[in-house]
Amino acid sequence: MTVIEIPSYVSDEEMDIEKAVCDGHAEQAIKEENQWSHHYTNTTNEGKKKYFRCNKVKLRGRQCDACIYLLFDSTSNEVVLFRDESNHTHDMIQGKNSRISTEVKQAIQELFELKLKPKAIIEALHERKMEVPNISRLNNFLRSIKSKKFGPTAISLGEIEQWCIQSSRPIPESDDSPFVASYQVIYDDDENDDIDDDDVNENKFRFFITTRRLLRIASSSKKIHADATYKLVWQGFPVLIVGTTDLDRHFHAFGMAVCSNEKKQDFIFIFRALQEGLQKINLKEINPDVLIADGADSIRNAFQDVFGEKPMVMCWAHMRRNVVKKIEAM
């Protein structure tokens, strides 16, 4: 940052401020300008530097280019005010907040492809020093991305609930007839007591489908695989898979779920739904020794909440394939 000390020729108003600074009333002088807020403080060999940002824009988001700082000289009692040479840009920033810029949209699209959630996308935009849209505008844009990628949804939340009710009872006698072992349908105006559900006040649904045969496989298994796949989607939502592998490394599913998200609460629902399914057909609940997953915090934390502290094995299959592909292309 290029800064300059207060020039020798200043207005009458600035002359008062300069005098106040020299007299040691530094922060009061800043306050009288009525346009600066404390941003952060650094301690250097020269002394403590206290930085102030333009308060015409919000703290979270892109900042105005103009800024100032106070240097509390370490060798004396003198306090010196320095000003950035940049002009104020808060008017332009405020004007852009009404819509998401093309540049930010492209960045959000890239972050969405990396399967980042809205909160993580906001943090990434902050790190890139880009204009950050508010959460509702971001969610609207993410919905439009999903709609373009997966197609528009053609079923209502009420229809999902009715289908889940009909498909959950009675449980079929056939070993291979599917049924809904458990489901949740929550409307945005419903009371939601789950403080860990970080998409509260939004419509959401979760349902888990399985069969008697698949549950019997689950009841005798000691390791669980869990993941989401975008290769198989329903109404634009990825299918979440849970299962196990045998000694020949063949995968055996316990069932599949579709949820309106892929957060910790969604995987907690899946693991609990698996236990509910086992109870409904009078089988012993599963008590796995290990989780095999891709390292996602949402899966690991959900597994620990339901089954307790157990070892986790990282699945490197996707990483290895990409590394091999990259090496072969060199």
Protein backbone atom coordinates (compact mmCIF):
# COMPACT_ATOMS: atom_id res chain seq x y z
CA MET A 1 0.00 0.00 0.00
CA THR A 2 1.43 3.40 -0.97
CA VAL A 3 0.86 5.98 1.74
CA ILE A 4 1.78 9.61 2.19
CA GLU A 5 2.07 11.67 5.31
CA ILE A 6 -0.33 14.59 5.78
CA PRO A 7 0.95 17.30 3.39
CA SER A 8 2.27 20.60 4.66
CA TYR A 9 -0.54 22.46 2.88
CA VAL A 10 -3.94 21.38 4.19
CA SER A 11 -7.40 22.83 4.60
CA ASP A 12 -8.48 24.52 7.82
CA GLU A 13 -10.40 21.38 8.77
CA GLU A 14 -7.38 19.14 8.18
CA MET A 15 -5.12 21.60 10.01
CA ASP A 16 -7.17 20.99 13.16
CA ILE A 17 -6.87 17.24 12.64
CA GLU A 18 -3.09 17.47 12.14
CA LYS A 19 -2.71 19.48 15.32
CA ALA A 20 -4.88 17.02 17.23
CA VAL A 21 -2.76 14.14 15.99
CA CYS A 22 0.43 15.84 17.06
CA ASP A 23 -1.09 16.54 20.45
CA GLY A 24 -1.74 12.82 20.84
CA HIS A 25 -5.52 12.84 20.39
CA ALA A 26 -5.17 10.66 17.32
CA GLU A 27 -8.26 8.49 17.39
CA GLN A 28 -10.53 11.39 18.29
CA ALA A 29 -9.24 13.18 15.19
CA ILE A 30 -10.10 10.16 13.04
CA LYS A 31 -13.55 9.97 14.60
CA GLU A 32 -14.26 13.61 13.72
CA GLU A 33 -13.84 12.84 10.03
CA ASN A 34 -16.92 10.58 10.37
CA GLN A 35 -15.91 8.19 7.57
CA TRP A 36 -13.43 5.73 9.08
CA SER A 37 -13.78 2.56 11.16
CA HIS A 38 -11.00 0.58 12.83
CA HIS A 39 -9.96 -2.36 10.64
CA TYR A 40 -6.90 -4.01 12.19
CA THR A 41 -3.67 -3.26 14.09
CA ASN A 42 -0.08 -4.28 13.34
CA THR A 43 2.99 -3.99 15.58
CA THR A 44 6.19 -3.13 13.69
CA ASN A 45 9.72 -1.96 14.52
CA GLU A 46 8.61 1.60 13.81
CA GLY A 47 5.76 1.29 16.28
CA LYS A 48 2.13 0.25 16.42
CA LYS A 49 0.17 0.86 13.19
CA LYS A 50 -3.59 1.17 13.52
CA TYR A 51 -5.42 0.84 10.19
CA PHE A 52 -8.83 2.32 9.42
CA ARG A 53 -11.15 1.45 6.53
CA CYS A 54 -13.82 3.53 4.82
CA ASN A 55 -17.06 2.85 6.70
CA LYS A 56 -19.30 3.63 3.72
CA VAL A 57 -19.16 -0.07 2.82
CA LYS A 58 -19.85 -3.17 4.93
CA LEU A 59 -17.00 -4.91 6.73
CA ARG A 60 -17.79 -8.18 4.96
CA GLY A 61 -17.29 -7.75 1.27
CA ARG A 62 -15.18 -5.69 -1.06
CA GLN A 63 -13.59 -2.66 0.62
CA CYS A 64 -13.23 0.92 -0.55
CA ASP A 65 -9.72 1.60 -1.93
CA ALA A 66 -9.21 4.59 0.39
CA CYS A 67 -7.75 3.94 3.83
CA ILE A 68 -5.65 5.59 6.50
CA TYR A 69 -3.49 4.49 9.39
CA LEU A 70 -1.98 5.94 12.55
CA LEU A 71 1.65 5.28 13.43
CA PHE A 72 2.31 5.38 17.17
CA ASP A 73 6.08 6.03 17.03
CA SER A 74 8.03 3.57 19.18
CA THR A 75 10.83 6.10 19.84
CA SER A 76 8.64 9.00 20.97
CA ASN A 77 5.15 9.99 22.01
CA GLU A 78 4.40 11.25 18.51
CA VAL A 79 1.45 9.86 16.54
CA VAL A 80 1.50 10.39 12.77
CA LEU A 81 -1.47 10.08 10.41
CA PHE A 82 -0.84 8.55 6.98
CA ARG A 83 -3.30 8.54 4.09
CA ASP A 84 -3.54 6.17 1.13
CA GLU A 85 -3.18 7.95 -2.22
CA SER A 86 -6.17 6.00 -3.61
CA ASN A 87 -9.49 7.76 -4.12
CA HIS A 88 -12.71 6.61 -2.47
CA THR A 89 -14.46 3.87 -4.48
CA HIS A 90 -17.36 3.06 -2.11
CA ASP A 91 -19.94 4.60 -4.47
CA MET A 92 -18.98 2.15 -7.24
CA ILE A 93 -19.01 -0.82 -4.84
CA GLN A 94 -22.48 0.02 -3.55
CA GLY A 95 -23.74 0.39 -7.10
CA LYS A 96 -22.58 -3.12 -7.98
CA ASN A 97 -24.23 -4.83 -5.01
CA SER A 98 -27.61 -4.98 -6.71
CA ARG A 99 -26.55 -7.92 -8.90
CA ILE A 100 -23.78 -10.48 -9.18
CA SER A 101 -21.10 -9.50 -11.67
CA THR A 102 -20.08 -11.79 -14.53
CA GLU A 103 -16.64 -12.32 -12.99
CA VAL A 104 -18.12 -13.36 -9.63
CA LYS A 105 -20.66 -15.64 -11.37
CA GLN A 106 -17.82 -17.46 -13.13
CA ALA A 107 -15.99 -17.88 -9.82
CA ILE A 108 -19.15 -19.20 -8.12
CA GLN A 109 -19.66 -21.65 -11.00
CA GLU A 110 -16.09 -22.97 -10.54
CA LEU A 111 -16.57 -23.33 -6.78
CA PHE A 112 -19.92 -25.08 -7.31
CA GLU A 113 -18.20 -27.62 -9.59
CA LEU A 114 -15.80 -28.29 -6.70
CA LYS A 115 -18.90 -29.21 -4.64
CA LEU A 116 -18.41 -26.34 -2.19
CA LYS A 117 -21.41 -25.31 -0.09
CA PRO A 118 -22.70 -21.69 0.07
CA LYS A 119 -20.76 -20.82 3.25
CA ALA A 120 -17.53 -22.21 1.79
CA ILE A 121 -18.15 -20.34 -1.48
CA ILE A 122 -18.53 -17.06 0.44
CA GLU A 123 -15.24 -17.71 2.29
CA ALA A 124 -13.47 -18.52 -0.99
CA LEU A 125 -14.74 -15.29 -2.58
CA HIS A 126 -13.45 -13.33 0.43
CA GLU A 127 -10.03 -14.97 0.03
CA ARG A 128 -9.98 -13.99 -3.65
CA LYS A 129 -10.92 -10.41 -2.63
CA MET A 130 -14.00 -10.54 -4.84
CA GLU A 131 -17.38 -8.92 -4.35
CA VAL A 132 -19.45 -11.23 -2.15
CA PRO A 133 -23.23 -11.45 -2.76
CA ASN A 134 -25.55 -11.90 0.18
CA ILE A 135 -26.62 -15.45 1.03
CA SER A 136 -30.11 -15.24 -0.49
CA ARG A 137 -28.78 -13.91 -3.81
CA LEU A 138 -26.08 -16.60 -3.80
CA ASN A 139 -28.64 -19.35 -3.13
CA ASN A 140 -30.83 -18.09 -5.97
CA PHE A 141 -27.88 -18.17 -8.37
CA LEU A 142 -26.90 -21.68 -7.21
CA ARG A 143 -30.46 -22.85 -7.88
CA SER A 144 -30.24 -21.50 -11.41
CA ILE A 145 -26.93 -23.36 -11.92
CA LYS A 146 -28.50 -26.61 -10.68
CA SER A 147 -31.52 -26.07 -12.90
CA LYS A 148 -29.32 -25.61 -16.00
CA LYS A 149 -27.09 -28.56 -15.12
CA PHE A 150 -29.68 -31.08 -13.96
CA GLY A 151 -32.89 -29.71 -15.45
CA PRO A 152 -35.86 -28.17 -13.64
CA THR A 153 -37.59 -30.10 -10.90
CA ALA A 154 -40.97 -31.49 -11.87
CA ILE A 155 -42.30 -32.65 -8.50
CA SER A 156 -43.51 -30.67 -5.49
CA LEU A 157 -42.55 -31.18 -1.86
CA GLY A 158 -46.10 -32.28 -1.09
CA GLU A 159 -45.96 -34.93 -3.82
CA ILE A 160 -42.65 -36.23 -2.41
CA GLU A 161 -44.23 -36.50 1.05
CA GLN A 162 -47.25 -38.40 -0.28
CA TRP A 163 -45.04 -40.80 -2.23
CA CYS A 164 -42.88 -41.43 0.86
CA ILE A 165 -45.95 -42.19 2.99
CA GLN A 166 -47.33 -44.63 0.41
CA SER A 167 -43.95 -46.30 -0.15
CA SER A 168 -43.11 -46.75 3.52
CA ARG A 169 -46.03 -49.01 4.47
CA PRO A 170 -46.66 -51.82 4.51
CA ILE A 171 -43.16 -53.28 4.13
CA PRO A 172 -43.19 -55.74 1.18
CA GLU A 173 -42.74 -59.45 1.91
CA SER A 174 -40.57 -59.90 -1.18
CA ASP A 175 -36.82 -59.76 -0.54
CA ASP A 176 -36.24 -57.55 -3.57
CA SER A 177 -39.19 -55.13 -3.48
CA PRO A 178 -38.02 -51.64 -2.49
CA PHE A 179 -39.60 -49.55 0.25
CA VAL A 180 -38.91 -46.25 2.04
CA ALA A 181 -37.27 -47.14 5.36
CA SER A 182 -37.34 -43.56 6.63
CA TYR A 183 -38.10 -40.06 5.37
CA GLN A 184 -38.20 -36.40 6.43
CA VAL A 185 -40.08 -33.61 4.69
CA ILE A 186 -39.66 -30.17 6.27
CA TYR A 187 -41.36 -27.03 4.98
CA ASP A 188 -39.76 -23.62 5.45
CA ASP A 189 -42.54 -22.47 7.80
CA ASP A 190 -42.34 -25.58 10.01
CA GLU A 191 -40.87 -25.48 13.51
CA ASN A 192 -37.38 -26.96 13.32
CA ASP A 193 -35.77 -27.67 16.69
CA ASP A 194 -32.57 -29.07 15.20
CA ILE A 195 -30.01 -26.33 15.86
CA ASP A 196 -27.40 -28.26 13.85
CA ASP A 197 -29.53 -28.10 10.71
CA ASP A 198 -27.71 -25.17 9.09
CA ASP A 199 -30.19 -24.81 6.22
CA VAL A 200 -33.08 -24.00 8.59
CA ASN A 201 -36.02 -22.04 7.22
CA GLU A 202 -35.67 -23.75 3.85
CA ASN A 203 -37.79 -26.49 2.28
CA LYS A 204 -35.95 -29.79 2.54
CA PHE A 205 -36.55 -33.49 2.14
CA ARG A 206 -34.71 -36.73 2.82
CA PHE A 207 -35.72 -40.31 2.09
CA PHE A 208 -33.90 -43.64 2.21
CA ILE A 209 -34.88 -46.59 -0.02
CA THR A 210 -33.81 -50.19 0.57
CA THR A 211 -34.99 -53.83 0.41
CA ARG A 212 -35.08 -56.74 2.86
CA ARG A 213 -32.15 -58.44 1.08
CA LEU A 214 -29.98 -55.31 1.21
CA LEU A 215 -30.72 -54.81 4.90
CA ARG A 216 -29.67 -58.40 5.63
CA ILE A 217 -26.34 -57.63 3.98
CA ALA A 218 -26.04 -54.52 6.17
CA SER A 219 -26.80 -56.40 9.39
CA SER A 220 -23.73 -58.62 8.96
CA SER A 221 -21.34 -55.89 7.77
CA LYS A 222 -18.55 -54.29 9.78
CA LYS A 223 -17.47 -51.53 7.43
CA ILE A 224 -19.47 -48.77 5.76
CA HIS A 225 -18.86 -46.89 2.52
CA ALA A 226 -20.74 -43.61 2.04
CA ASP A 227 -20.66 -41.06 -0.77
CA ALA A 228 -22.73 -38.85 -3.06
CA THR A 229 -22.72 -39.35 -6.82
CA TYR A 230 -23.58 -36.78 -9.45
CA LYS A 231 -23.52 -39.52 -12.10
CA LEU A 232 -26.92 -40.58 -10.81
CA VAL A 233 -29.36 -37.75 -10.03
CA TRP A 234 -33.07 -37.52 -9.28
CA GLN A 235 -34.91 -34.26 -9.94
CA GLY A 236 -31.54 -32.52 -10.03
CA PHE A 237 -30.41 -33.90 -6.65
CA PRO A 238 -27.49 -36.34 -6.33
CA VAL A 239 -28.17 -39.85 -5.07
CA LEU A 240 -26.38 -40.67 -1.78
CA ILE A 241 -25.12 -44.23 -1.52
CA VAL A 242 -24.25 -46.30 1.54
CA GLY A 243 -22.94 -49.88 1.42
CA THR A 244 -19.98 -52.17 2.02
CA THR A 245 -17.33 -54.15 0.10
CA ASP A 246 -16.42 -57.83 0.23
CA LEU A 247 -12.98 -59.48 0.21
CA ASP A 248 -12.98 -59.40 -3.60
CA ARG A 249 -13.49 -55.60 -3.44
CA HIS A 250 -17.01 -55.83 -4.87
CA PHE A 251 -19.42 -53.17 -3.63
CA HIS A 252 -22.75 -54.16 -2.05
CA ALA A 253 -25.30 -51.39 -1.43
CA PHE A 254 -27.39 -51.19 1.73
CA GLY A 255 -29.74 -48.76 0.03
CA MET A 256 -29.78 -45.29 -1.45
CA ALA A 257 -31.03 -41.90 -0.36
CA VAL A 258 -32.01 -38.66 -2.03
CA CYS A 259 -31.67 -35.51 0.06
CA SER A 260 -32.06 -31.84 -0.75
CA ASN A 261 -28.48 -31.32 0.43
CA GLU A 262 -25.26 -33.18 1.28
CA LYS A 263 -24.54 -31.77 4.72
CA LYS A 264 -23.83 -33.46 8.05
CA GLN A 265 -27.53 -33.67 8.95
CA ASP A 266 -28.29 -35.46 5.66
CA PHE A 267 -25.72 -38.18 6.32
CA ILE A 268 -26.87 -38.47 9.95
CA PHE A 269 -30.35 -39.11 8.53
CA ILE A 270 -29.00 -41.84 6.20
CA PHE A 271 -27.11 -43.70 8.94
CA ARG A 272 -30.10 -43.51 11.29
CA ALA A 273 -32.48 -44.53 8.49
CA LEU A 274 -30.35 -47.64 7.96
CA GLN A 275 -30.77 -48.52 11.64
CA GLU A 276 -34.53 -47.86 11.45
CA GLY A 277 -34.83 -50.17 8.45
CA LEU A 278 -33.06 -52.97 10.33
CA GLN A 279 -35.37 -52.50 13.32
CA LYS A 280 -38.48 -52.65 11.12
CA ILE A 281 -37.63 -56.12 9.83
CA ASN A 282 -36.38 -57.31 13.24
CA LEU A 283 -32.69 -57.45 12.41
CA LYS A 284 -29.82 -56.46 14.69
CA GLU A 285 -28.63 -52.88 14.28
CA ILE A 286 -25.33 -52.42 12.49
CA ASN A 287 -22.26 -51.53 14.57
CA PRO A 288 -19.51 -50.80 12.01
CA ASP A 289 -15.81 -50.88 12.85
CA VAL A 290 -14.68 -48.45 10.15
CA LEU A 291 -15.90 -45.79 7.71
CA ILE A 292 -14.57 -45.68 4.14
CA ALA A 293 -15.26 -42.32 2.45
CA ASP A 294 -13.66 -39.49 0.49
CA GLY A 295 -12.70 -37.40 3.53
CA ALA A 296 -15.71 -35.07 3.48
CA ASP A 297 -16.28 -33.52 6.93
CA SER A 298 -20.04 -33.94 6.57
CA ILE A 299 -19.75 -37.74 6.22
CA ARG A 300 -17.10 -38.19 8.91
CA ASN A 301 -18.88 -36.03 11.51
CA ALA A 302 -22.25 -37.66 10.81
CA PHE A 303 -20.73 -41.14 11.17
CA GLN A 304 -19.19 -40.21 14.53
CA ASP A 305 -22.48 -38.75 15.78
CA VAL A 306 -24.37 -41.97 15.02
CA PHE A 307 -21.78 -44.71 15.58
CA GLY A 308 -19.21 -43.03 17.86
CA GLU A 309 -15.46 -42.58 17.42
CA LYS A 310 -14.32 -45.18 14.87
CA PRO A 311 -11.39 -45.34 12.42
CA MET A 312 -11.85 -43.78 9.00
CA VAL A 313 -10.18 -45.00 5.80
CA MET A 314 -9.63 -42.46 3.04
CA CYS A 315 -10.66 -43.57 -0.45
CA TRP A 316 -8.05 -42.39 -2.97
CA ALA A 317 -9.55 -43.98 -6.09
CA HIS A 318 -10.67 -40.73 -7.71
CA MET A 319 -7.41 -38.97 -6.88
CA ARG A 320 -5.30 -41.81 -8.28
CA ARG A 321 -7.25 -41.92 -11.55
CA ASN A 322 -6.81 -38.17 -12.03
CA VAL A 323 -3.07 -38.34 -11.24
CA VAL A 324 -2.56 -41.20 -13.72
CA LYS A 325 -4.53 -39.32 -16.37
CA LYS A 326 -2.40 -36.19 -15.80
CA ILE A 327 0.88 -38.11 -15.98
CA GLU A 328 -0.15 -39.91 -19.18
CA ALA A 329 -1.02 -36.56 -20.78
CA MET A 330 2.50 -35.16 -20.17
